[in-house]
């Protein structure tokens, strides 16, 4: 689901200019490809220089697969309930894909980590050096202010940090993780110690404990015969 500003404008029945054409669409005909998105986006620095290794995401991917402190379990359950309602009451299959006539905008957990993570401890759990850390960029918008991204196995962790404090920690869900047993054990243990739950909001799925996260991190892409 791209260009959410345009989509929301259409949902309000407004005329929207797209590629030099002006169209008005009946809001009742709109469909979304996601059941939920987060309420806010990170601060962007459009003039900041980006590098070839920076992790690039679309705005819809922000905080879609993230670490949440167990202290926010009640708020998390409420948000999950709202997402499941969208699946049950506001979705259908179209062209082999599930589409949604309504989207849930998550607002209850403004700061996902009740206590910031210690950056040096996170790097140690990942098993990487500070020199391997790069930035994160929102596609067609610019660099995320104080954003970071770091590759482990076949996937990427990214988020926001200030000096030695990590305030937001997300997973990239475009690749199968493929971590080694030792890497998965180290990261899952760090999450357990830090009292974190991993939530994939678009599917209302939760990795509730160390074993569930370990099993996810160990997944590899099956080789075709």
Protein backbone atom coordinates (compact mmCIF):
# COMPACT_ATOMS: atom_id res chain seq x y z
CA UNK A 1 0.00 0.00 0.00
CA UNK A 2 1.81 3.11 -1.23
CA UNK A 3 1.25 6.84 -1.04
CA UNK A 4 -0.93 6.84 2.05
CA UNK A 5 -1.50 10.57 1.86
CA UNK A 6 -3.17 10.09 -1.49
CA UNK A 7 -5.19 7.15 -0.22
CA UNK A 8 -6.45 9.05 2.80
CA UNK A 9 -7.36 12.03 0.65
CA UNK A 10 -9.39 9.79 -1.61
CA UNK A 11 -11.04 8.22 1.42
CA UNK A 12 -12.33 11.68 2.30
CA UNK A 13 -13.78 12.10 -1.18
CA UNK A 14 -11.24 14.71 -2.26
CA UNK A 15 -9.86 15.22 -5.74
CA UNK A 16 -6.26 14.07 -5.98
CA UNK A 17 -3.69 14.87 -8.64
CA UNK A 18 -1.79 11.79 -9.79
CA UNK A 19 0.70 12.04 -12.66
CA UNK A 20 -0.99 15.20 -14.02
CA UNK A 21 -4.48 13.62 -13.91
CA UNK A 22 -7.22 14.60 -11.47
CA UNK A 23 -9.55 11.82 -10.42
CA UNK A 24 -12.34 11.53 -7.89
CA UNK A 25 -12.99 8.06 -6.51
CA UNK A 26 -15.93 6.80 -4.50
CA UNK A 27 -14.50 6.02 -1.02
CA UNK A 28 -16.67 2.90 -0.86
CA UNK A 29 -14.63 1.37 -3.69
CA UNK A 30 -11.26 1.81 -1.95
CA UNK A 31 -9.28 -1.20 -0.78
CA UNK A 32 -6.16 -1.36 1.35
CA UNK A 33 -3.45 -3.98 1.12
CA UNK A 34 -2.71 -3.82 4.85
CA UNK A 35 -4.93 -4.23 7.88
CA UNK A 36 -2.95 -1.76 9.99
CA UNK A 37 -0.28 0.94 10.03
CA UNK A 38 1.36 2.92 12.80
CA UNK A 39 0.02 6.37 13.68
CA UNK A 40 3.22 8.34 13.14
CA UNK A 41 6.35 8.22 11.02
CA UNK A 42 9.88 9.02 12.18
CA UNK A 43 11.41 12.44 11.67
CA UNK A 44 13.00 12.69 8.23
CA UNK A 45 16.10 14.63 7.19
CA UNK A 46 15.49 15.03 3.43
CA UNK A 47 18.81 16.79 2.82
CA UNK A 48 20.95 14.22 4.67
CA UNK A 49 23.30 12.20 2.51
CA UNK A 50 22.51 8.52 2.06
CA UNK A 51 24.79 5.62 1.31
CA UNK A 52 24.46 2.54 -0.83
CA UNK A 53 24.36 0.31 2.26
CA UNK A 54 21.59 2.20 4.05
CA UNK A 55 18.45 0.16 4.67
CA UNK A 56 15.53 1.45 2.59
CA UNK A 57 11.90 0.99 3.63
CA UNK A 58 8.55 2.24 2.47
CA UNK A 59 6.62 4.43 4.89
CA UNK A 60 4.06 1.64 5.42
CA UNK A 61 6.83 -0.59 6.82
CA UNK A 62 7.62 1.66 9.77
CA UNK A 63 7.03 -0.18 13.06
CA UNK A 64 5.17 -3.03 11.39
CA UNK A 65 7.41 -5.78 12.82
CA UNK A 66 8.80 -4.51 16.10
CA UNK A 67 9.95 -5.11 19.66
CA UNK A 68 7.47 -4.08 22.35
CA UNK A 69 8.16 -3.94 26.08
CA UNK A 70 6.12 -6.43 28.11
CA UNK A 71 5.03 -3.45 30.20
CA UNK A 72 2.71 -2.56 27.30
CA UNK A 73 1.01 -5.95 27.14
CA UNK A 74 -2.48 -4.51 27.79
CA UNK A 75 -2.13 -1.88 25.06
CA UNK A 76 -0.68 -4.49 22.70
CA UNK A 77 -3.63 -6.82 23.25
CA UNK A 78 -6.07 -3.99 22.53
CA UNK A 79 -4.28 -3.11 19.31
CA UNK A 80 -4.17 -6.77 18.26
CA UNK A 81 -7.90 -7.06 18.92
CA UNK A 82 -8.55 -4.11 16.62
CA UNK A 83 -6.36 -5.60 13.88
CA UNK A 84 -8.16 -8.95 14.12
CA UNK A 85 -11.49 -7.16 13.84
CA UNK A 86 -10.32 -5.70 10.52
CA UNK A 87 -9.51 -9.22 9.29
CA UNK A 88 -12.83 -10.61 10.46
CA UNK A 89 -15.18 -7.78 9.47
CA UNK A 90 -13.46 -5.60 6.88
CA UNK A 91 -11.57 -7.93 4.54
CA UNK A 92 -12.15 -10.12 1.53
CA UNK A 93 -10.16 -12.06 -1.05
CA UNK A 94 -9.65 -10.38 -4.40
CA UNK A 95 -7.44 -11.71 -7.18
CA UNK A 96 -5.85 -14.22 -4.84
CA UNK A 97 -4.95 -11.54 -2.30
CA UNK A 98 -6.64 -10.36 0.88
CA UNK A 99 -7.73 -6.72 0.73
CA UNK A 100 -9.27 -4.49 3.37
CA UNK A 101 -12.05 -1.94 3.21
CA UNK A 102 -10.82 -0.33 6.43
CA UNK A 103 -7.44 0.11 8.04
CA UNK A 104 -6.62 0.21 11.74
CA UNK A 105 -4.24 3.01 12.71
CA UNK A 106 -2.32 2.10 15.85
CA UNK A 107 -2.02 4.93 18.40
CA UNK A 108 -1.84 3.31 21.83
CA UNK A 109 1.92 2.63 22.03
CA UNK A 110 3.73 5.83 21.14
CA UNK A 111 7.05 4.65 22.62
CA UNK A 112 7.42 0.87 22.11
CA UNK A 113 10.29 0.46 24.60
CA UNK A 114 9.35 1.47 28.15
CA UNK A 115 13.06 1.50 28.99
CA UNK A 116 15.50 2.22 26.15
CA UNK A 117 17.82 -0.61 25.22
CA UNK A 118 21.54 -0.12 25.68
CA UNK A 119 23.09 0.20 22.23
CA UNK A 120 26.38 -1.48 23.12
CA UNK A 121 24.50 -4.46 24.59
CA UNK A 122 22.36 -4.80 21.48
CA UNK A 123 25.45 -4.79 19.26
CA UNK A 124 27.04 -7.43 21.47
CA UNK A 125 23.91 -9.59 21.23
CA UNK A 126 23.93 -9.26 17.45
CA UNK A 127 27.65 -9.97 17.36
CA UNK A 128 28.62 -7.05 15.16
CA UNK A 129 30.92 -4.04 15.30
CA UNK A 130 29.84 -0.36 15.24
CA UNK A 131 31.55 -0.03 11.86
CA UNK A 132 28.90 -2.34 10.37
CA UNK A 133 26.04 -0.01 11.36
CA UNK A 134 24.49 2.15 8.64
CA UNK A 135 21.42 4.37 8.34
CA UNK A 136 17.81 3.84 7.37
CA UNK A 137 15.97 5.75 4.67
CA UNK A 138 12.30 6.14 3.84
CA UNK A 139 11.84 5.60 0.12
CA UNK A 140 11.30 8.85 -1.81
CA UNK A 141 11.47 10.89 1.41
CA UNK A 142 14.90 10.90 3.00
CA UNK A 143 17.04 9.65 5.84
CA UNK A 144 15.44 8.84 9.19
CA UNK A 145 16.81 11.18 11.86
CA UNK A 146 18.89 9.18 14.36
CA UNK A 147 18.03 6.05 12.41
CA UNK A 148 20.23 2.96 12.31
CA UNK A 149 20.24 -0.39 10.56
CA UNK A 150 22.42 -3.43 10.98
CA UNK A 151 22.48 -6.72 9.09
CA UNK A 152 22.55 -10.05 10.91
CA UNK A 153 22.19 -13.32 9.07
CA UNK A 154 19.95 -12.67 6.08
CA UNK A 155 17.81 -9.94 7.57
CA UNK A 156 18.09 -6.46 9.03
CA UNK A 157 17.30 -4.83 12.35
CA UNK A 158 16.60 -1.11 12.23
CA UNK A 159 15.21 1.66 14.37
CA UNK A 160 16.09 4.84 16.24
CA UNK A 161 18.78 5.46 18.81
CA UNK A 162 20.19 8.43 20.66
CA UNK A 163 23.82 7.90 21.68
CA UNK A 164 23.79 4.65 23.69
CA UNK A 165 19.99 4.41 23.99
CA UNK A 166 17.79 2.52 21.50
CA UNK A 167 14.22 3.85 21.46
CA UNK A 168 12.73 1.88 18.55
CA UNK A 169 13.79 -1.57 17.30
CA UNK A 170 12.21 -3.13 14.22
CA UNK A 171 12.73 -6.21 12.09
CA UNK A 172 12.83 -6.22 8.32
CA UNK A 173 10.36 -8.87 7.09
CA UNK A 174 11.38 -9.11 3.45
CA UNK A 175 13.95 -11.87 4.00
CA UNK A 176 14.08 -15.19 5.83
CA UNK A 177 16.37 -14.55 8.84
CA UNK A 178 18.77 -17.49 8.43
CA UNK A 179 20.69 -16.91 11.66
CA UNK A 180 23.05 -19.55 12.97
CA UNK A 181 22.11 -21.35 16.17
CA UNK A 182 24.57 -19.25 18.16
CA UNK A 183 23.34 -15.97 16.63
CA UNK A 184 19.69 -16.85 17.22
CA UNK A 185 20.39 -17.91 20.81
CA UNK A 186 22.28 -14.70 21.57
CA UNK A 187 19.63 -12.37 20.17
CA UNK A 188 16.69 -14.30 21.64
CA UNK A 189 18.39 -14.29 25.05
CA UNK A 190 18.90 -10.53 24.82
CA UNK A 191 15.20 -10.04 24.06
CA UNK A 192 14.23 -12.26 26.98
CA UNK A 193 16.56 -10.38 29.34
CA UNK A 194 15.18 -7.06 28.09
CA UNK A 195 11.56 -8.18 28.62
CA UNK A 196 10.60 -7.71 24.97
CA UNK A 197 7.84 -9.21 22.84
CA UNK A 198 8.09 -9.23 19.04
CA UNK A 199 4.91 -8.32 17.18
CA UNK A 200 4.14 -8.55 13.47
CA UNK A 201 1.21 -6.17 13.36
CA UNK A 202 -0.06 -6.77 9.77
CA UNK A 203 -0.80 -10.42 10.59
CA UNK A 204 -1.59 -9.88 14.30
CA UNK A 205 1.12 -12.45 15.10
CA UNK A 206 3.18 -12.42 18.29
CA UNK A 207 6.49 -14.10 19.14
CA UNK A 208 5.75 -14.34 22.84
CA UNK A 209 8.85 -15.96 24.29
CA UNK A 210 12.48 -16.84 23.72
CA UNK A 211 11.74 -20.19 22.05
CA UNK A 212 9.32 -18.64 19.53
CA UNK A 213 11.80 -15.91 18.62
CA UNK A 214 14.67 -18.41 18.40
CA UNK A 215 12.68 -20.61 16.02
CA UNK A 216 11.82 -17.61 13.84
CA UNK A 217 15.42 -16.42 13.67
CA UNK A 218 16.61 -19.88 12.66
CA UNK A 219 14.33 -20.07 9.62
CA UNK A 220 16.10 -20.44 6.30
CA UNK A 221 14.91 -20.36 2.74
CA UNK A 222 14.34 -23.89 1.48
CA UNK A 223 16.42 -24.82 -1.54
CA UNK A 224 14.46 -25.92 -4.57
CA UNK A 225 15.20 -29.38 -5.76
